[in-house]
């Protein structure tokens, strides 16, 4: 597609399997930057092309102080995997978006060590944070204080530790699922969650990493955790349903049971 308007912008988004792409792919959105903010808003999209069978790749990098961000920030690069090597190479980058300062107002997905490094100075994520299907051994986000969305870890086959030393609250649900090597969670200041789901994390033996947790607004589900021996959260009040099942090694349960529903 040839766009002659110099103010026209493009944006790449994941296209799920459906009418446009039977097995999924990437939607290429384009349109004029009517409000001049340098971002293609949904209301500005005038045309959509589809690259079916070509997954959208992402890459994060710290953006130094300069023309794009006066005080620095994070650069989000997007593109199609044209050489099918599973990595977004420089030549494949089709779009770059910037989150300036120490707040990121978008959903963030982490899949490699460079993504983690790019978020080292980020204090707040106004969106979801997902860490999934990676080969990471550890994830350390030293400055992150607030997530205004879900925090999801899933199917990270080698992930052994998660360190969030400054995290205070997560508006959405904290989900840990299928991280079979995860043995250590360190979130010493975390005091509130929107929900909590820990399932199929066989190496995790206790929840001591949530020592400051006092409030789970919604449901709590702890299930199919073969290695979990202790749930010691005496100061946590859960506002929804509490479900603990298929935890064969559990010997210690210390919880302030003030929920309305319990299983």
C-alpha atoms as a PDB file:
ATOM      1  CA  UNK A   1       0.000   0.000   0.000  1.00  0.00           C
ATOM      2  CA  UNK A   2       1.414   3.381  -1.022  1.00  0.00           C
ATOM      3  CA  UNK A   3       0.544   6.291   1.258  1.00  0.00           C
ATOM      4  CA  UNK A   4       1.501   9.689  -0.156  1.00  0.00           C
ATOM      5  CA  UNK A   5       0.390  11.861   2.766  1.00  0.00           C
ATOM      6  CA  UNK A   6       3.539  12.720   4.737  1.00  0.00           C
ATOM      7  CA  UNK A   7       1.518  12.806   7.954  1.00  0.00           C
ATOM      8  CA  UNK A   8       0.208   9.260   7.506  1.00  0.00           C
ATOM      9  CA  UNK A   9       1.110   6.688  10.161  1.00  0.00           C
ATOM     10  CA  UNK A  10       1.049   2.914  10.415  1.00  0.00           C
ATOM     11  CA  UNK A  11       0.547   0.565  13.332  1.00  0.00           C
ATOM     12  CA  UNK A  12       0.990  -3.216  13.483  1.00  0.00           C
ATOM     13  CA  UNK A  13      -1.215  -5.368  15.688  1.00  0.00           C
ATOM     14  CA  UNK A  14      -1.699  -9.097  16.169  1.00  0.00           C
ATOM     15  CA  UNK A  15      -4.489 -10.524  14.023  1.00  0.00           C
ATOM     16  CA  UNK A  16      -6.072 -13.574  15.692  1.00  0.00           C
ATOM     17  CA  UNK A  17      -7.317 -16.540  13.662  1.00  0.00           C
ATOM     18  CA  UNK A  18     -10.610 -15.664  12.046  1.00  0.00           C
ATOM     19  CA  UNK A  19     -12.263 -14.228   8.977  1.00  0.00           C
ATOM     20  CA  UNK A  20      -9.269 -12.209   7.799  1.00  0.00           C
ATOM     21  CA  UNK A  21      -6.556 -14.810   8.504  1.00  0.00           C
ATOM     22  CA  UNK A  22      -7.538 -18.427   9.050  1.00  0.00           C
ATOM     23  CA  UNK A  23      -4.443 -19.164  11.146  1.00  0.00           C
ATOM     24  CA  UNK A  24      -3.771 -15.637  12.366  1.00  0.00           C
ATOM     25  CA  UNK A  25      -1.131 -13.138  11.360  1.00  0.00           C
ATOM     26  CA  UNK A  26      -0.580  -9.397  11.537  1.00  0.00           C
ATOM     27  CA  UNK A  27      -2.905  -6.492  10.777  1.00  0.00           C
ATOM     28  CA  UNK A  28      -1.217  -3.422   9.273  1.00  0.00           C
ATOM     29  CA  UNK A  29      -3.228  -0.321  10.136  1.00  0.00           C
ATOM     30  CA  UNK A  30      -2.669   3.017   8.416  1.00  0.00           C
ATOM     31  CA  UNK A  31      -4.206   6.470   8.402  1.00  0.00           C
ATOM     32  CA  UNK A  32      -3.582  10.215   8.747  1.00  0.00           C
ATOM     33  CA  UNK A  33      -2.275  11.708  11.970  1.00  0.00           C
ATOM     34  CA  UNK A  34      -5.176  14.149  12.298  1.00  0.00           C
ATOM     35  CA  UNK A  35      -4.365  15.346  15.814  1.00  0.00           C
ATOM     36  CA  UNK A  36      -0.624  15.555  15.197  1.00  0.00           C
ATOM     37  CA  UNK A  37       0.376  13.526  18.249  1.00  0.00           C
ATOM     38  CA  UNK A  38       2.600  11.136  16.299  1.00  0.00           C
ATOM     39  CA  UNK A  39       0.434   8.113  17.186  1.00  0.00           C
ATOM     40  CA  UNK A  40      -2.154   6.328  15.066  1.00  0.00           C
ATOM     41  CA  UNK A  41      -5.312   6.342  17.154  1.00  0.00           C
ATOM     42  CA  UNK A  42      -8.127   3.876  16.489  1.00  0.00           C
ATOM     43  CA  UNK A  43     -10.311   6.713  15.187  1.00  0.00           C
ATOM     44  CA  UNK A  44      -7.616   7.648  12.649  1.00  0.00           C
ATOM     45  CA  UNK A  45      -7.339   4.222  11.010  1.00  0.00           C
ATOM     46  CA  UNK A  46      -8.378   4.566   7.367  1.00  0.00           C
ATOM     47  CA  UNK A  47      -7.075   1.312   5.889  1.00  0.00           C
ATOM     48  CA  UNK A  48      -6.122  -2.167   7.084  1.00  0.00           C
ATOM     49  CA  UNK A  49      -3.971  -4.749   5.305  1.00  0.00           C
ATOM     50  CA  UNK A  50      -3.374  -8.289   6.535  1.00  0.00           C
ATOM     51  CA  UNK A  51      -0.177 -10.319   6.492  1.00  0.00           C
ATOM     52  CA  UNK A  52      -1.593 -13.765   7.134  1.00  0.00           C
ATOM     53  CA  UNK A  53       0.650 -16.449   8.536  1.00  0.00           C
ATOM     54  CA  UNK A  54       3.272 -13.874   9.469  1.00  0.00           C
ATOM     55  CA  UNK A  55       3.402 -13.332  13.236  1.00  0.00           C
ATOM     56  CA  UNK A  56       4.048  -9.895  14.658  1.00  0.00           C
ATOM     57  CA  UNK A  57       7.353  -9.675  16.492  1.00  0.00           C
ATOM     58  CA  UNK A  58       8.132  -7.132  19.184  1.00  0.00           C
ATOM     59  CA  UNK A  59      11.302  -5.825  20.737  1.00  0.00           C
ATOM     60  CA  UNK A  60      11.896  -3.456  23.643  1.00  0.00           C
ATOM     61  CA  UNK A  61      14.904  -1.221  24.185  1.00  0.00           C
ATOM     62  CA  UNK A  62      15.801   1.596  26.527  1.00  0.00           C
ATOM     63  CA  UNK A  63      15.495   4.911  24.673  1.00  0.00           C
ATOM     64  CA  UNK A  64      18.177   7.419  25.680  1.00  0.00           C
ATOM     65  CA  UNK A  65      17.378  11.082  26.260  1.00  0.00           C
ATOM     66  CA  UNK A  66      17.157  12.819  22.902  1.00  0.00           C
ATOM     67  CA  UNK A  67      14.868  13.724  20.033  1.00  0.00           C
ATOM     68  CA  UNK A  68      12.242  11.062  20.747  1.00  0.00           C
ATOM     69  CA  UNK A  69      12.169  11.387  24.546  1.00  0.00           C
ATOM     70  CA  UNK A  70      13.665  14.405  26.275  1.00  0.00           C
ATOM     71  CA  UNK A  71      14.316  12.453  29.469  1.00  0.00           C
ATOM     72  CA  UNK A  72      14.614   8.994  27.945  1.00  0.00           C
ATOM     73  CA  UNK A  73      12.116   6.151  28.012  1.00  0.00           C
ATOM     74  CA  UNK A  74      11.359   2.863  26.268  1.00  0.00           C
ATOM     75  CA  UNK A  75      11.261   2.163  22.522  1.00  0.00           C
ATOM     76  CA  UNK A  76       8.826  -0.513  21.282  1.00  0.00           C
ATOM     77  CA  UNK A  77       9.793  -1.921  17.875  1.00  0.00           C
ATOM     78  CA  UNK A  78       7.439  -4.018  15.742  1.00  0.00           C
ATOM     79  CA  UNK A  79       7.790  -5.921  12.500  1.00  0.00           C
ATOM     80  CA  UNK A  80       7.152  -9.107  10.553  1.00  0.00           C
ATOM     81  CA  UNK A  81       9.471 -12.097  10.779  1.00  0.00           C
ATOM     82  CA  UNK A  82      10.413 -12.032   7.111  1.00  0.00           C
ATOM     83  CA  UNK A  83      13.335 -14.457   7.420  1.00  0.00           C
ATOM     84  CA  UNK A  84      11.440 -16.777   9.815  1.00  0.00           C
ATOM     85  CA  UNK A  85      14.225 -16.879  12.415  1.00  0.00           C
ATOM     86  CA  UNK A  86      11.946 -15.967  15.316  1.00  0.00           C
ATOM     87  CA  UNK A  87      13.851 -12.747  16.025  1.00  0.00           C
ATOM     88  CA  UNK A  88      12.999  -9.181  15.053  1.00  0.00           C
ATOM     89  CA  UNK A  89      16.096  -8.099  13.169  1.00  0.00           C
ATOM     90  CA  UNK A  90      16.906  -4.431  12.552  1.00  0.00           C
ATOM     91  CA  UNK A  91      16.011  -4.747   8.878  1.00  0.00           C
ATOM     92  CA  UNK A  92      12.556  -6.118   9.798  1.00  0.00           C
ATOM     93  CA  UNK A  93      11.527  -3.218  12.047  1.00  0.00           C
ATOM     94  CA  UNK A  94       8.481  -1.588  10.441  1.00  0.00           C
ATOM     95  CA  UNK A  95       7.244   0.575  13.302  1.00  0.00           C
ATOM     96  CA  UNK A  96       8.675   2.106  16.477  1.00  0.00           C
ATOM     97  CA  UNK A  97       6.630   3.615  19.281  1.00  0.00           C
ATOM     98  CA  UNK A  98       8.002   5.441  22.297  1.00  0.00           C
ATOM     99  CA  UNK A  99       6.941   5.576  25.931  1.00  0.00           C
ATOM    100  CA  UNK A 100       8.749   8.559  27.391  1.00  0.00           C
ATOM    101  CA  UNK A 101       9.636   8.947  31.044  1.00  0.00           C
ATOM    102  CA  UNK A 102       9.274   6.211  33.651  1.00  0.00           C
ATOM    103  CA  UNK A 103       5.593   5.376  32.989  1.00  0.00           C
ATOM    104  CA  UNK A 104       4.460   3.030  30.203  1.00  0.00           C
ATOM    105  CA  UNK A 105       0.811   3.453  29.192  1.00  0.00           C
ATOM    106  CA  UNK A 106       0.245   0.235  27.249  1.00  0.00           C
ATOM    107  CA  UNK A 107       0.267  -3.542  27.600  1.00  0.00           C
ATOM    108  CA  UNK A 108       3.796  -4.924  27.800  1.00  0.00           C
ATOM    109  CA  UNK A 109       5.023  -8.411  26.855  1.00  0.00           C
ATOM    110  CA  UNK A 110       8.450  -9.676  27.933  1.00  0.00           C
ATOM    111  CA  UNK A 111      10.111 -12.549  26.094  1.00  0.00           C
ATOM    112  CA  UNK A 112      13.863 -11.962  26.276  1.00  0.00           C
ATOM    113  CA  UNK A 113      16.562 -10.474  28.502  1.00  0.00           C
ATOM    114  CA  UNK A 114      16.781  -7.242  26.507  1.00  0.00           C
ATOM    115  CA  UNK A 115      13.081  -6.618  27.209  1.00  0.00           C
ATOM    116  CA  UNK A 116      13.717  -6.909  30.939  1.00  0.00           C
ATOM    117  CA  UNK A 117      16.677  -4.525  30.724  1.00  0.00           C
ATOM    118  CA  UNK A 118      14.597  -1.974  28.799  1.00  0.00           C
ATOM    119  CA  UNK A 119      12.121  -1.799  31.699  1.00  0.00           C
ATOM    120  CA  UNK A 120      14.745  -1.356  34.422  1.00  0.00           C
ATOM    121  CA  UNK A 121      13.795   2.286  35.123  1.00  0.00           C
ATOM    122  CA  UNK A 122      10.026   1.955  34.611  1.00  0.00           C
ATOM    123  CA  UNK A 123       8.029   2.817  37.731  1.00  0.00           C
ATOM    124  CA  UNK A 124       4.472   2.281  36.484  1.00  0.00           C
ATOM    125  CA  UNK A 125       2.807   0.200  33.758  1.00  0.00           C
ATOM    126  CA  UNK A 126      -0.699   1.406  32.914  1.00  0.00           C
ATOM    127  CA  UNK A 127      -1.672  -1.844  31.248  1.00  0.00           C
ATOM    128  CA  UNK A 128      -0.989  -5.552  31.547  1.00  0.00           C
ATOM    129  CA  UNK A 129       2.455  -7.104  31.984  1.00  0.00           C
ATOM    130  CA  UNK A 130       2.911 -10.571  30.476  1.00  0.00           C
ATOM    131  CA  UNK A 131       5.963 -12.817  30.706  1.00  0.00           C
ATOM    132  CA  UNK A 132       5.306 -16.014  28.770  1.00  0.00           C
ATOM    133  CA  UNK A 133       6.884 -18.706  26.623  1.00  0.00           C
ATOM    134  CA  UNK A 134      10.374 -17.371  27.253  1.00  0.00           C
ATOM    135  CA  UNK A 135      13.712 -19.008  28.037  1.00  0.00           C
ATOM    136  CA  UNK A 136      14.534 -16.460  30.739  1.00  0.00           C
ATOM    137  CA  UNK A 137      16.201 -17.717  33.910  1.00  0.00           C
ATOM    138  CA  UNK A 138      15.211 -14.715  36.025  1.00  0.00           C
ATOM    139  CA  UNK A 139      13.218 -11.512  35.788  1.00  0.00           C
ATOM    140  CA  UNK A 140      14.222  -8.513  37.912  1.00  0.00           C
ATOM    141  CA  UNK A 141      12.328  -5.217  37.609  1.00  0.00           C
ATOM    142  CA  UNK A 142      13.919  -3.058  40.299  1.00  0.00           C
ATOM    143  CA  UNK A 143      11.896   0.170  39.938  1.00  0.00           C
ATOM    144  CA  UNK A 144       8.390  -1.098  39.122  1.00  0.00           C
ATOM    145  CA  UNK A 145       5.839   0.043  41.735  1.00  0.00           C
ATOM    146  CA  UNK A 146       2.419  -0.269  40.131  1.00  0.00           C
ATOM    147  CA  UNK A 147       0.714  -2.326  37.412  1.00  0.00           C
ATOM    148  CA  UNK A 148      -2.699  -1.093  36.318  1.00  0.00           C
ATOM    149  CA  UNK A 149      -3.696  -4.383  34.722  1.00  0.00           C
ATOM    150  CA  UNK A 150      -2.935  -8.084  35.026  1.00  0.00           C
ATOM    151  CA  UNK A 151       0.493  -9.505  35.819  1.00  0.00           C
ATOM    152  CA  UNK A 152       0.811 -12.870  34.092  1.00  0.00           C
ATOM    153  CA  UNK A 153       3.637 -15.412  34.079  1.00  0.00           C
ATOM    154  CA  UNK A 154       3.053 -18.533  32.056  1.00  0.00           C
ATOM    155  CA  UNK A 155       4.935 -21.415  30.471  1.00  0.00           C
ATOM    156  CA  UNK A 156       8.411 -20.044  31.051  1.00  0.00           C
ATOM    157  CA  UNK A 157      10.216 -23.365  31.078  1.00  0.00           C
ATOM    158  CA  UNK A 158      13.482 -22.146  32.641  1.00  0.00           C
ATOM    159  CA  UNK A 159      12.342 -19.257  34.828  1.00  0.00           C
ATOM    160  CA  UNK A 160      13.603 -19.798  38.382  1.00  0.00           C
ATOM    161  CA  UNK A 161      13.111 -16.417  40.069  1.00  0.00           C
ATOM    162  CA  UNK A 162      10.953 -13.320  39.894  1.00  0.00           C
ATOM    163  CA  UNK A 163      12.143 -10.214  41.749  1.00  0.00           C
ATOM    164  CA  UNK A 164       9.883  -7.179  42.102  1.00  0.00           C
ATOM    165  CA  UNK A 165      11.456  -5.345  45.063  1.00  0.00           C
ATOM    166  CA  UNK A 166       9.517  -2.082  44.636  1.00  0.00           C
ATOM    167  CA  UNK A 167       6.107  -3.415  43.507  1.00  0.00           C
ATOM    168  CA  UNK A 168       3.290  -2.223  45.764  1.00  0.00           C
ATOM    169  CA  UNK A 169       0.060  -3.141  44.002  1.00  0.00           C
ATOM    170  CA  UNK A 170      -1.443  -4.816  40.945  1.00  0.00           C
ATOM    171  CA  UNK A 171      -4.918  -3.671  39.923  1.00  0.00           C
ATOM    172  CA  UNK A 172      -5.633  -6.872  38.022  1.00  0.00           C
ATOM    173  CA  UNK A 173      -4.896 -10.527  38.724  1.00  0.00           C
ATOM    174  CA  UNK A 174      -1.451 -11.946  39.428  1.00  0.00           C
ATOM    175  CA  UNK A 175      -1.307 -15.262  37.574  1.00  0.00           C
ATOM    176  CA  UNK A 176       1.488 -17.834  37.831  1.00  0.00           C
ATOM    177  CA  UNK A 177       0.848 -20.849  35.616  1.00  0.00           C
ATOM    178  CA  UNK A 178       3.098 -23.541  34.240  1.00  0.00           C
ATOM    179  CA  UNK A 179       6.461 -22.084  35.272  1.00  0.00           C
ATOM    180  CA  UNK A 180       7.832 -25.449  36.354  1.00  0.00           C
ATOM    181  CA  UNK A 181      11.252 -24.208  37.522  1.00  0.00           C
ATOM    182  CA  UNK A 182      10.010 -21.192  39.485  1.00  0.00           C
ATOM    183  CA  UNK A 183      11.305 -21.528  43.043  1.00  0.00           C
ATOM    184  CA  UNK A 184      11.616 -17.939  44.236  1.00  0.00           C
ATOM    185  CA  UNK A 185       9.295 -14.944  44.216  1.00  0.00           C
ATOM    186  CA  UNK A 186      10.465 -11.761  45.911  1.00  0.00           C
ATOM    187  CA  UNK A 187       7.848  -9.008  46.190  1.00  0.00           C
ATOM    188  CA  UNK A 188       8.441  -7.726  49.758  1.00  0.00           C
ATOM    189  CA  UNK A 189       6.367  -4.512  49.410  1.00  0.00           C
ATOM    190  CA  UNK A 190       3.395  -5.948  47.499  1.00  0.00           C
ATOM    191  CA  UNK A 191       0.304  -5.266  49.619  1.00  0.00           C
ATOM    192  CA  UNK A 192      -2.671  -5.462  47.229  1.00  0.00           C
ATOM    193  CA  UNK A 193      -3.789  -7.572  44.277  1.00  0.00           C
ATOM    194  CA  UNK A 194      -6.964  -7.586  42.232  1.00  0.00           C
ATOM    195  CA  UNK A 195      -6.873 -11.380  42.180  1.00  0.00           C
ATOM    196  CA  UNK A 196      -4.421 -14.252  42.665  1.00  0.00           C
ATOM    197  CA  UNK A 197      -4.101 -17.482  40.661  1.00  0.00           C
ATOM    198  CA  UNK A 198      -1.218 -19.930  41.162  1.00  0.00           C
ATOM    199  CA  UNK A 199      -1.583 -23.136  39.176  1.00  0.00           C
ATOM    200  CA  UNK A 200       0.772 -25.879  38.002  1.00  0.00           C
ATOM    201  CA  UNK A 201       3.933 -24.332  39.453  1.00  0.00           C
ATOM    202  CA  UNK A 202       5.489 -27.523  40.742  1.00  0.00           C
ATOM    203  CA  UNK A 203       8.784 -26.128  42.071  1.00  0.00           C
ATOM    204  CA  UNK A 204       7.304 -23.381  44.256  1.00  0.00           C
ATOM    205  CA  UNK A 205       7.325 -24.530  47.900  1.00  0.00           C
ATOM    206  CA  UNK A 206       5.888 -21.517  49.750  1.00  0.00           C
ATOM    207  CA  UNK A 207       4.488 -18.012  49.334  1.00  0.00           C
ATOM    208  CA  UNK A 208       6.937 -16.226  51.610  1.00  0.00           C
ATOM    209  CA  UNK A 209       7.721 -13.787  48.806  1.00  0.00           C
ATOM    210  CA  UNK A 210       4.371 -12.096  49.496  1.00  0.00           C
ATOM    211  CA  UNK A 211       5.162 -11.169  53.099  1.00  0.00           C
ATOM    212  CA  UNK A 212       3.510  -7.716  52.901  1.00  0.00           C
ATOM    213  CA  UNK A 213       0.338  -8.844  51.109  1.00  0.00           C
ATOM    214  CA  UNK A 214      -2.814  -7.797  52.992  1.00  0.00           C
ATOM    215  CA  UNK A 215      -5.589  -7.531  50.397  1.00  0.00           C
ATOM    216  CA  UNK A 216      -6.800  -9.562  47.435  1.00  0.00           C
ATOM    217  CA  UNK A 217      -9.848  -7.753  46.093  1.00  0.00           C
ATOM    218  CA  UNK A 218     -11.227 -10.662  44.070  1.00  0.00           C
ATOM    219  CA  UNK A 219     -10.790 -14.429  43.872  1.00  0.00           C
ATOM    220  CA  UNK A 220      -7.854 -16.555  44.998  1.00  0.00           C
ATOM    221  CA  UNK A 221      -7.108 -19.868  43.288  1.00  0.00           C
ATOM    222  CA  UNK A 222      -4.230 -22.127  44.268  1.00  0.00           C
ATOM    223  CA  UNK A 223      -4.361 -25.454  42.443  1.00  0.00           C
ATOM    224  CA  UNK A 224      -2.266 -28.293  41.023  1.00  0.00           C
ATOM    225  CA  UNK A 225       0.904 -27.088  42.747  1.00  0.00           C
ATOM    226  CA  UNK A 226       2.777 -30.300  43.447  1.00  0.00           C
ATOM    227  CA  UNK A 227       5.637 -28.746  45.440  1.00  0.00           C
ATOM    228  CA  UNK A 228       3.753 -26.260  47.603  1.00  0.00           C
ATOM    229  CA  UNK A 229       4.140 -27.149  51.292  1.00  0.00           C
ATOM    230  CA  UNK A 230       3.118 -23.908  53.044  1.00  0.00           C
ATOM    231  CA  UNK A 231       0.588 -21.128  52.501  1.00  0.00           C
ATOM    232  CA  UNK A 232       1.452 -18.682  55.263  1.00  0.00           C
ATOM    233  CA  UNK A 233      -0.498 -15.493  54.616  1.00  0.00           C
ATOM    234  CA  UNK A 234      -2.110 -14.651  57.971  1.00  0.00           C
ATOM    235  CA  UNK A 235      -2.771 -10.979  57.198  1.00  0.00           C
ATOM    236  CA  UNK A 236      -4.389 -11.374  53.778  1.00  0.00           C
ATOM    237  CA  UNK A 237      -8.075 -10.617  53.365  1.00  0.00           C
ATOM    238  CA  UNK A 238      -9.621 -12.087  50.209  1.00  0.00           C
ATOM    239  CA  UNK A 239     -12.771 -10.409  48.921  1.00  0.00           C
ATOM    240  CA  UNK A 240     -13.861 -13.171  46.548  1.00  0.00           C
ATOM    241  CA  UNK A 241     -13.865 -16.956  46.458  1.00  0.00           C
ATOM    242  CA  UNK A 242     -10.907 -18.874  47.913  1.00  0.00           C
ATOM    243  CA  UNK A 243     -10.082 -22.177  46.219  1.00  0.00           C
ATOM    244  CA  UNK A 244      -7.218 -24.459  47.284  1.00  0.00           C
ATOM    245  CA  UNK A 245      -7.159 -27.868  45.634  1.00  0.00           C
ATOM    246  CA  UNK A 246      -4.788 -30.581  44.441  1.00  0.00           C
ATOM    247  CA  UNK A 247      -1.870 -29.418  46.590  1.00  0.00           C
ATOM    248  CA  UNK A 248      -0.672 -32.813  47.869  1.00  0.00           C
ATOM    249  CA  UNK A 249       2.321 -31.661  49.944  1.00  0.00           C
ATOM    250  CA  UNK A 250       0.563 -28.831  51.747  1.00  0.00           C
ATOM    251  CA  UNK A 251       1.217 -29.109  55.490  1.00  0.00           C
ATOM    252  CA  UNK A 252       0.839 -25.482  56.659  1.00  0.00           C
ATOM    253  CA  UNK A 253      -2.155 -23.246  55.979  1.00  0.00           C
ATOM    254  CA  UNK A 254      -2.207 -19.953  57.853  1.00  0.00           C
ATOM    255  CA  UNK A 255      -4.772 -17.574  56.389  1.00  0.00           C
ATOM    256  CA  UNK A 256      -7.238 -15.007  57.671  1.00  0.00           C
ATOM    257  CA  UNK A 257     -10.363 -16.574  56.207  1.00  0.00           C
ATOM    258  CA  UNK A 258     -12.700 -13.617  55.753  1.00  0.00           C
ATOM    259  CA  UNK A 259     -13.964 -14.493  52.283  1.00  0.00           C
ATOM    260  CA  UNK A 260     -17.621 -14.800  51.403  1.00  0.00           C
ATOM    261  CA  UNK A 261     -17.155 -18.071  49.570  1.00  0.00           C
ATOM    262  CA  UNK A 262     -14.712 -20.852  50.302  1.00  0.00           C
ATOM    263  CA  UNK A 263     -13.920 -24.150  48.602  1.00  0.00           C
END
